[in-house]
Each structure stands twice: as structure tokens, then as C-alpha cells.
Amino acid sequence: MIHLPASLALVLGTTALAQTEAPLAAERTIFSPPTRAFFATFQVGPAMEIAGDWGSQLKIGQDFGFHTGGGASGLAIGVSLEESFGNCTEGLGVSCFSFQAGPKLWYDVQLADSLPLYIAPIARVAFAHVNVSAGGVSGSFTGFGLQLGLELRAVLADRAVLFFRPVTFDTIVGASDDTLARIYDDNVAMRYDLTFGGGVAF
């Protein structure tokens, strides 16, 4: 019987193990279905007035959530923060800053088994606070926010999240005793959001 030195046997064994595991590692690509349930994202886009006197503004947002069943498919729950700013009443020189925060739901449906592409209806309820200012005078009001929309999402290399929301309707229902805030507060205001975003899965 031939006895190999211990160091040589160790090298040969390690090489054989690496060759066995290499095909398994190579099976995953940038387009492999994701396995991470948690995600954090940032988004930006225009918010365009539909009803009320909310005006069209730039909106940014931050979402954090996780899929209850693991992976990237199915029900996801989380929290959402959104801020918008700019003129809120055309021609009157009134500027507004709005902040909304609340729980959010997604339901991701994978479009093809072999691709990390998803479509998801979304719904969010929120506490809403709006600050209004004009000519050095300011006022504010609080209300209830409701958001319904649709999201197209890709998760690349089981890490990078990219998404586009072609349809989002954002509504604030509120009231104010402040005279300035009433300039643009019609109790119910609605906007259409066009949103682009990205983030990370973990």
C-alpha cells in the first residue's frame, strides 16, 4: 500500500471537495430566484394633482418590509415613510410640505419561475401631516392617508431591488381650523404618483 504524506492527502481532498461544490455554486446567476425575505428601498418621482387643491410636487419615500413566507413572493408587510414638497396651489405662491407614515402591504406574484420579476398590488394607510406656508405665514393640518397602487419589481443577484410603480393613487382626508391651511385643503385631496426606486434585499 502506498502511504501519501498527510499534507498531500489534505490538498488532494480539498481539491476534490472544491470540484464537487463548484457546479452547485455555478447554478445561481444574477437572474436566479431570490431567497431573501427582507427589503429596504428608496423611491422618488412626481406626485400629480387629480382632485382637491394639493398641487403637483416632487415626492420621495422609504419603505421597509419582509415577506411573511420567506423569499420574495407572496404577502409582505412593512412600514412606509413619504415626503413631498413644492408649490401646492398654482398661481398663489403657496408652498407645502407633507409627511405620511404608516403600515403597508404588498403581494408579490412572480411572473416566471425562471426569472426574478414580480408584479404586486400595494396598499398603505397612514398618518398625514401637511405644512402650508405663504408670505411668511404658515399653517398646518393633519389627516388620514390612503394609498393604492401597482408595483413592478426585479430582484437581481438575490440582493439588488429595482422597481417601478406606474399606477399609484394617493389620497389625504383631513380638516383644519387654520385659515391658511384651508386655502388649499378641500378636506379630500388625491394625487397620481409615478414612482421609480431601488434598494437592497437581506
C-alpha atoms as a PDB file:
ATOM      1  CA  MET A   1       0.000   0.000   0.000  1.00  0.00           C
ATOM      2  CA  ILE A   2       1.204   3.495  -0.867  1.00  0.00           C
ATOM      3  CA  HIS A   3       1.016   5.974   2.005  1.00  0.00           C
ATOM      4  CA  LEU A   4       0.691   9.632   0.972  1.00  0.00           C
ATOM      5  CA  PRO A   5       2.102  12.348   3.184  1.00  0.00           C
ATOM      6  CA  ALA A   6      -0.617  13.900   5.346  1.00  0.00           C
ATOM      7  CA  SER A   7      -0.181  17.338   3.759  1.00  0.00           C
ATOM      8  CA  LEU A   8      -0.552  15.952   0.210  1.00  0.00           C
ATOM      9  CA  ALA A   9      -3.646  13.953   1.175  1.00  0.00           C
ATOM     10  CA  LEU A  10      -5.191  17.083   2.659  1.00  0.00           C
ATOM     11  CA  VAL A  11      -4.522  19.070  -0.536  1.00  0.00           C
ATOM     12  CA  LEU A  12      -5.981  16.341  -2.758  1.00  0.00           C
ATOM     13  CA  GLY A  13      -9.064  16.034  -0.534  1.00  0.00           C
ATOM     14  CA  THR A  14      -9.666  19.791  -0.514  1.00  0.00           C
ATOM     15  CA  THR A  15      -9.328  19.964  -4.309  1.00  0.00           C
ATOM     16  CA  ALA A  16     -11.819  17.162  -4.814  1.00  0.00           C
ATOM     17  CA  LEU A  17     -14.324  18.826  -2.467  1.00  0.00           C
ATOM     18  CA  ALA A  18     -13.978  22.166  -4.276  1.00  0.00           C
ATOM     19  CA  GLN A  19     -14.554  20.470  -7.633  1.00  0.00           C
ATOM     20  CA  THR A  20     -17.701  18.849  -6.246  1.00  0.00           C
ATOM     21  CA  GLU A  21     -19.107  22.111  -4.869  1.00  0.00           C
ATOM     22  CA  ALA A  22     -18.198  24.271  -7.894  1.00  0.00           C
ATOM     23  CA  PRO A  23     -21.119  23.153 -10.101  1.00  0.00           C
ATOM     24  CA  LEU A  24     -23.544  23.842  -7.240  1.00  0.00           C
ATOM     25  CA  ALA A  25     -22.229  27.382  -6.805  1.00  0.00           C
ATOM     26  CA  ALA A  26     -22.333  27.983 -10.550  1.00  0.00           C
ATOM     27  CA  GLU A  27     -26.024  27.148 -10.713  1.00  0.00           C
ATOM     28  CA  ARG A  28     -27.006  30.554  -9.242  1.00  0.00           C
ATOM     29  CA  THR A  29     -26.861  33.568 -11.538  1.00  0.00           C
ATOM     30  CA  ILE A  30     -27.897  37.212 -11.385  1.00  0.00           C
ATOM     31  CA  PHE A  31     -31.345  36.101 -12.570  1.00  0.00           C
ATOM     32  CA  SER A  32     -31.806  33.227 -10.121  1.00  0.00           C
ATOM     33  CA  PRO A  33     -34.987  33.444  -7.987  1.00  0.00           C
ATOM     34  CA  PRO A  34     -34.254  35.394  -4.789  1.00  0.00           C
ATOM     35  CA  THR A  35     -34.295  33.811  -1.354  1.00  0.00           C
ATOM     36  CA  ARG A  36     -34.086  36.846   0.968  1.00  0.00           C
ATOM     37  CA  ALA A  37     -37.321  37.905   2.668  1.00  0.00           C
ATOM     38  CA  PHE A  38     -36.422  41.376   3.987  1.00  0.00           C
ATOM     39  CA  PHE A  39     -36.016  44.529   1.894  1.00  0.00           C
ATOM     40  CA  ALA A  40     -35.366  48.251   2.314  1.00  0.00           C
ATOM     41  CA  THR A  41     -35.981  50.673  -0.554  1.00  0.00           C
ATOM     42  CA  PHE A  42     -35.879  54.347  -1.529  1.00  0.00           C
ATOM     43  CA  GLN A  43     -38.111  55.926  -4.188  1.00  0.00           C
ATOM     44  CA  VAL A  44     -38.587  59.228  -5.999  1.00  0.00           C
ATOM     45  CA  GLY A  45     -40.978  60.629  -8.579  1.00  0.00           C
ATOM     46  CA  PRO A  46     -43.620  63.223  -9.399  1.00  0.00           C
ATOM     47  CA  ALA A  47     -46.924  63.385  -7.499  1.00  0.00           C
ATOM     48  CA  MET A  48     -49.545  64.935  -9.790  1.00  0.00           C
ATOM     49  CA  GLU A  49     -52.787  66.508  -8.609  1.00  0.00           C
ATOM     50  CA  ILE A  50     -56.058  64.817  -9.556  1.00  0.00           C
ATOM     51  CA  ALA A  51     -58.579  66.286  -7.115  1.00  0.00           C
ATOM     52  CA  GLY A  52     -58.646  68.833  -4.325  1.00  0.00           C
ATOM     53  CA  ASP A  53     -56.012  71.551  -4.105  1.00  0.00           C
ATOM     54  CA  TRP A  54     -52.948  69.522  -3.167  1.00  0.00           C
ATOM     55  CA  GLY A  55     -50.883  70.585  -6.191  1.00  0.00           C
ATOM     56  CA  SER A  56     -48.208  68.654  -8.082  1.00  0.00           C
ATOM     57  CA  GLN A  57     -44.979  68.091  -6.185  1.00  0.00           C
ATOM     58  CA  LEU A  58     -41.810  66.023  -6.003  1.00  0.00           C
ATOM     59  CA  LYS A  59     -42.197  63.036  -3.689  1.00  0.00           C
ATOM     60  CA  ILE A  60     -39.596  60.803  -2.060  1.00  0.00           C
ATOM     61  CA  GLY A  61     -40.174  57.759   0.120  1.00  0.00           C
ATOM     62  CA  GLN A  62     -38.617  54.996   2.165  1.00  0.00           C
ATOM     63  CA  ASP A  63     -40.056  51.506   2.634  1.00  0.00           C
ATOM     64  CA  PHE A  64     -39.028  48.623   4.861  1.00  0.00           C
ATOM     65  CA  GLY A  65     -40.742  45.235   4.767  1.00  0.00           C
ATOM     66  CA  PHE A  66     -40.484  41.467   4.746  1.00  0.00           C
ATOM     67  CA  HIS A  67     -42.261  38.559   3.077  1.00  0.00           C
ATOM     68  CA  THR A  68     -44.101  36.505   5.645  1.00  0.00           C
ATOM     69  CA  GLY A  69     -43.482  33.234   3.814  1.00  0.00           C
ATOM     70  CA  GLY A  70     -39.792  33.807   3.121  1.00  0.00           C
ATOM     71  CA  GLY A  71     -38.226  34.516  -0.260  1.00  0.00           C
ATOM     72  CA  ALA A  72     -39.565  37.315  -2.441  1.00  0.00           C
ATOM     73  CA  SER A  73     -43.054  36.044  -3.301  1.00  0.00           C
ATOM     74  CA  GLY A  74     -46.410  36.332  -1.593  1.00  0.00           C
ATOM     75  CA  LEU A  75     -47.561  38.634   1.173  1.00  0.00           C
ATOM     76  CA  ALA A  76     -45.160  41.262   2.505  1.00  0.00           C
ATOM     77  CA  ILE A  77     -45.837  43.636   5.365  1.00  0.00           C
ATOM     78  CA  GLY A  78     -43.874  46.685   6.387  1.00  0.00           C
ATOM     79  CA  VAL A  79     -43.792  50.401   7.086  1.00  0.00           C
ATOM     80  CA  SER A  80     -43.665  53.335   4.680  1.00  0.00           C
ATOM     81  CA  LEU A  81     -42.498  56.946   5.025  1.00  0.00           C
ATOM     82  CA  GLU A  82     -43.189  59.547   2.331  1.00  0.00           C
ATOM     83  CA  GLU A  83     -42.350  63.231   1.988  1.00  0.00           C
ATOM     84  CA  SER A  84     -43.400  65.664  -0.749  1.00  0.00           C
ATOM     85  CA  PHE A  85     -42.552  69.317  -1.252  1.00  0.00           C
ATOM     86  CA  GLY A  86     -43.060  72.224  -3.646  1.00  0.00           C
ATOM     87  CA  ASN A  87     -45.873  74.581  -4.606  1.00  0.00           C
ATOM     88  CA  CYS A  88     -49.298  73.263  -3.682  1.00  0.00           C
ATOM     89  CA  THR A  89     -51.570  75.930  -5.170  1.00  0.00           C
ATOM     90  CA  GLU A  90     -50.735  77.104  -8.667  1.00  0.00           C
ATOM     91  CA  GLY A  91     -50.504  80.868  -9.039  1.00  0.00           C
ATOM     92  CA  LEU A  92     -50.968  81.724  -5.359  1.00  0.00           C
ATOM     93  CA  GLY A  93     -47.365  81.296  -4.182  1.00  0.00           C
ATOM     94  CA  VAL A  94     -48.343  78.767  -1.531  1.00  0.00           C
ATOM     95  CA  SER A  95     -45.763  76.079  -0.732  1.00  0.00           C
ATOM     96  CA  CYS A  96     -46.414  72.834   1.096  1.00  0.00           C
ATOM     97  CA  PHE A  97     -44.501  70.047   2.762  1.00  0.00           C
ATOM     98  CA  SER A  98     -46.339  66.811   3.508  1.00  0.00           C
ATOM     99  CA  PHE A  99     -45.260  63.816   5.566  1.00  0.00           C
ATOM    100  CA  GLN A 100     -47.018  60.450   5.691  1.00  0.00           C
ATOM    101  CA  ALA A 101     -46.139  57.386   7.759  1.00  0.00           C
ATOM    102  CA  GLY A 102     -47.952  54.099   8.234  1.00  0.00           C
ATOM    103  CA  PRO A 103     -48.174  50.344   7.622  1.00  0.00           C
ATOM    104  CA  LYS A 104     -48.008  48.964   4.089  1.00  0.00           C
ATOM    105  CA  LEU A 105     -48.903  45.690   2.345  1.00  0.00           C
ATOM    106  CA  TRP A 106     -47.540  44.121  -0.851  1.00  0.00           C
ATOM    107  CA  TYR A 107     -48.499  40.861  -2.557  1.00  0.00           C
ATOM    108  CA  ASP A 108     -45.731  39.836  -4.956  1.00  0.00           C
ATOM    109  CA  VAL A 109     -46.589  37.435  -7.784  1.00  0.00           C
ATOM    110  CA  GLN A 110     -43.628  36.023  -9.725  1.00  0.00           C
ATOM    111  CA  LEU A 111     -44.140  36.477 -13.472  1.00  0.00           C
ATOM    112  CA  ALA A 112     -41.974  33.485 -14.496  1.00  0.00           C
ATOM    113  CA  ASP A 113     -40.451  30.681 -12.446  1.00  0.00           C
ATOM    114  CA  SER A 114     -37.028  31.184 -14.022  1.00  0.00           C
ATOM    115  CA  LEU A 115     -36.871  34.987 -13.601  1.00  0.00           C
ATOM    116  CA  PRO A 116     -36.808  37.248 -10.501  1.00  0.00           C
ATOM    117  CA  LEU A 117     -39.567  39.516 -11.862  1.00  0.00           C
ATOM    118  CA  TYR A 118     -42.687  40.305  -9.841  1.00  0.00           C
ATOM    119  CA  ILE A 119     -45.907  42.292 -10.022  1.00  0.00           C
ATOM    120  CA  ALA A 120     -47.520  43.415  -6.780  1.00  0.00           C
ATOM    121  CA  PRO A 121     -50.625  45.326  -5.763  1.00  0.00           C
ATOM    122  CA  ILE A 122     -49.844  47.636  -2.841  1.00  0.00           C
ATOM    123  CA  ALA A 123     -51.943  49.276  -0.133  1.00  0.00           C
ATOM    124  CA  ARG A 124     -50.964  51.687   2.622  1.00  0.00           C
ATOM    125  CA  VAL A 125     -52.782  53.644   5.321  1.00  0.00           C
ATOM    126  CA  ALA A 126     -51.008  56.498   7.042  1.00  0.00           C
ATOM    127  CA  PHE A 127     -50.970  59.374   9.445  1.00  0.00           C
ATOM    128  CA  ALA A 128     -50.583  62.505   7.302  1.00  0.00           C
ATOM    129  CA  HIS A 129     -49.267  65.916   8.306  1.00  0.00           C
ATOM    130  CA  VAL A 130     -49.126  68.868   5.905  1.00  0.00           C
ATOM    131  CA  ASN A 131     -47.436  72.206   6.499  1.00  0.00           C
ATOM    132  CA  VAL A 132     -48.532  75.166   4.353  1.00  0.00           C
ATOM    133  CA  SER A 133     -46.705  78.492   4.054  1.00  0.00           C
ATOM    134  CA  ALA A 134     -47.199  81.710   2.084  1.00  0.00           C
ATOM    135  CA  GLY A 135     -45.731  85.189   2.531  1.00  0.00           C
ATOM    136  CA  GLY A 136     -44.008  84.357   5.780  1.00  0.00           C
ATOM    137  CA  VAL A 137     -47.179  82.951   7.338  1.00  0.00           C
ATOM    138  CA  SER A 138     -47.552  79.222   7.922  1.00  0.00           C
ATOM    139  CA  GLY A 139     -50.221  76.776   8.974  1.00  0.00           C
ATOM    140  CA  SER A 140     -50.660  73.023   9.161  1.00  0.00           C
ATOM    141  CA  PHE A 141     -53.180  70.233   9.387  1.00  0.00           C
ATOM    142  CA  THR A 142     -53.232  66.512   9.989  1.00  0.00           C
ATOM    143  CA  GLY A 143     -55.338  63.826   8.409  1.00  0.00           C
ATOM    144  CA  PHE A 144     -55.663  60.247   7.194  1.00  0.00           C
ATOM    145  CA  GLY A 145     -53.773  58.968   4.156  1.00  0.00           C
ATOM    146  CA  LEU A 146     -54.758  56.077   1.858  1.00  0.00           C
ATOM    147  CA  GLN A 147     -52.618  54.766  -0.988  1.00  0.00           C
ATOM    148  CA  LEU A 148     -53.409  52.075  -3.569  1.00  0.00           C
ATOM    149  CA  GLY A 149     -51.151  51.103  -6.447  1.00  0.00           C
ATOM    150  CA  LEU A 150     -49.300  48.560  -8.544  1.00  0.00           C
ATOM    151  CA  GLU A 151     -45.588  47.772  -8.479  1.00  0.00           C
ATOM    152  CA  LEU A 152     -43.284  46.010 -10.954  1.00  0.00           C
ATOM    153  CA  ARG A 153     -40.201  44.656  -9.187  1.00  0.00           C
ATOM    154  CA  ALA A 154     -36.942  42.889 -10.072  1.00  0.00           C
ATOM    155  CA  VAL A 155     -34.520  41.337  -7.581  1.00  0.00           C
ATOM    156  CA  LEU A 156     -31.072  40.790  -9.089  1.00  0.00           C
ATOM    157  CA  ALA A 157     -28.326  38.546  -7.696  1.00  0.00           C
ATOM    158  CA  ASP A 158     -30.543  37.888  -4.660  1.00  0.00           C
ATOM    159  CA  ARG A 159     -29.613  41.355  -3.374  1.00  0.00           C
ATOM    160  CA  ALA A 160     -30.391  44.395  -5.564  1.00  0.00           C
ATOM    161  CA  VAL A 161     -34.036  45.532  -5.726  1.00  0.00           C
ATOM    162  CA  LEU A 162     -35.289  47.684  -8.625  1.00  0.00           C
ATOM    163  CA  PHE A 163     -38.917  48.722  -9.055  1.00  0.00           C
ATOM    164  CA  PHE A 164     -41.325  50.947 -10.976  1.00  0.00           C
ATOM    165  CA  ARG A 165     -44.837  51.929  -9.890  1.00  0.00           C
ATOM    166  CA  PRO A 166     -46.776  53.002 -12.990  1.00  0.00           C
ATOM    167  CA  VAL A 167     -50.032  53.425 -11.085  1.00  0.00           C
ATOM    168  CA  THR A 168     -50.396  54.832  -7.565  1.00  0.00           C
ATOM    169  CA  PHE A 169     -53.321  56.833  -6.200  1.00  0.00           C
ATOM    170  CA  ASP A 170     -52.577  58.758  -3.018  1.00  0.00           C
ATOM    171  CA  THR A 171     -55.425  60.329  -1.028  1.00  0.00           C
ATOM    172  CA  ILE A 172     -55.427  62.534   2.063  1.00  0.00           C
ATOM    173  CA  VAL A 173     -58.589  63.138   4.065  1.00  0.00           C
ATOM    174  CA  GLY A 174     -58.158  65.891   6.626  1.00  0.00           C
ATOM    175  CA  ALA A 175     -59.559  69.055   8.145  1.00  0.00           C
ATOM    176  CA  SER A 176     -58.068  72.185   9.619  1.00  0.00           C
ATOM    177  CA  ASP A 177     -59.169  75.183  11.654  1.00  0.00           C
ATOM    178  CA  ASP A 178     -56.198  77.118  10.318  1.00  0.00           C
ATOM    179  CA  THR A 179     -57.256  79.750   7.769  1.00  0.00           C
ATOM    180  CA  LEU A 180     -54.080  79.479   5.721  1.00  0.00           C
ATOM    181  CA  ALA A 181     -54.255  75.703   5.532  1.00  0.00           C
ATOM    182  CA  ARG A 182     -57.835  75.999   4.280  1.00  0.00           C
ATOM    183  CA  ILE A 183     -56.511  77.856   1.229  1.00  0.00           C
ATOM    184  CA  TYR A 184     -55.591  74.523  -0.231  1.00  0.00           C
ATOM    185  CA  ASP A 185     -57.339  71.983   1.997  1.00  0.00           C
ATOM    186  CA  ASP A 186     -60.538  70.716   0.399  1.00  0.00           C
ATOM    187  CA  ASN A 187     -60.880  68.004   3.075  1.00  0.00           C
ATOM    188  CA  VAL A 188     -60.258  65.346   0.405  1.00  0.00           C
ATOM    189  CA  ALA A 189     -57.318  65.596  -1.999  1.00  0.00           C
ATOM    190  CA  MET A 190     -55.953  62.975  -4.423  1.00  0.00           C
ATOM    191  CA  ARG A 191     -52.787  62.663  -6.467  1.00  0.00           C
ATOM    192  CA  TYR A 192     -51.383  60.251  -9.050  1.00  0.00           C
ATOM    193  CA  ASP A 193     -47.804  59.144  -8.303  1.00  0.00           C
ATOM    194  CA  LEU A 194     -45.286  57.892 -10.873  1.00  0.00           C
ATOM    195  CA  THR A 195     -42.516  56.274  -8.869  1.00  0.00           C
ATOM    196  CA  PHE A 196     -39.049  54.854  -9.535  1.00  0.00           C
ATOM    197  CA  GLY A 197     -36.979  53.190  -6.834  1.00  0.00           C
ATOM    198  CA  GLY A 198     -34.386  50.734  -5.690  1.00  0.00           C
ATOM    199  CA  GLY A 199     -32.901  49.163  -2.625  1.00  0.00           C
ATOM    200  CA  VAL A 200     -31.479  46.041  -1.103  1.00  0.00           C
ATOM    201  CA  ALA A 201     -32.803  42.625  -0.067  1.00  0.00           C
ATOM    202  CA  PHE A 202     -31.368  40.950   3.014  1.00  0.00           C
END
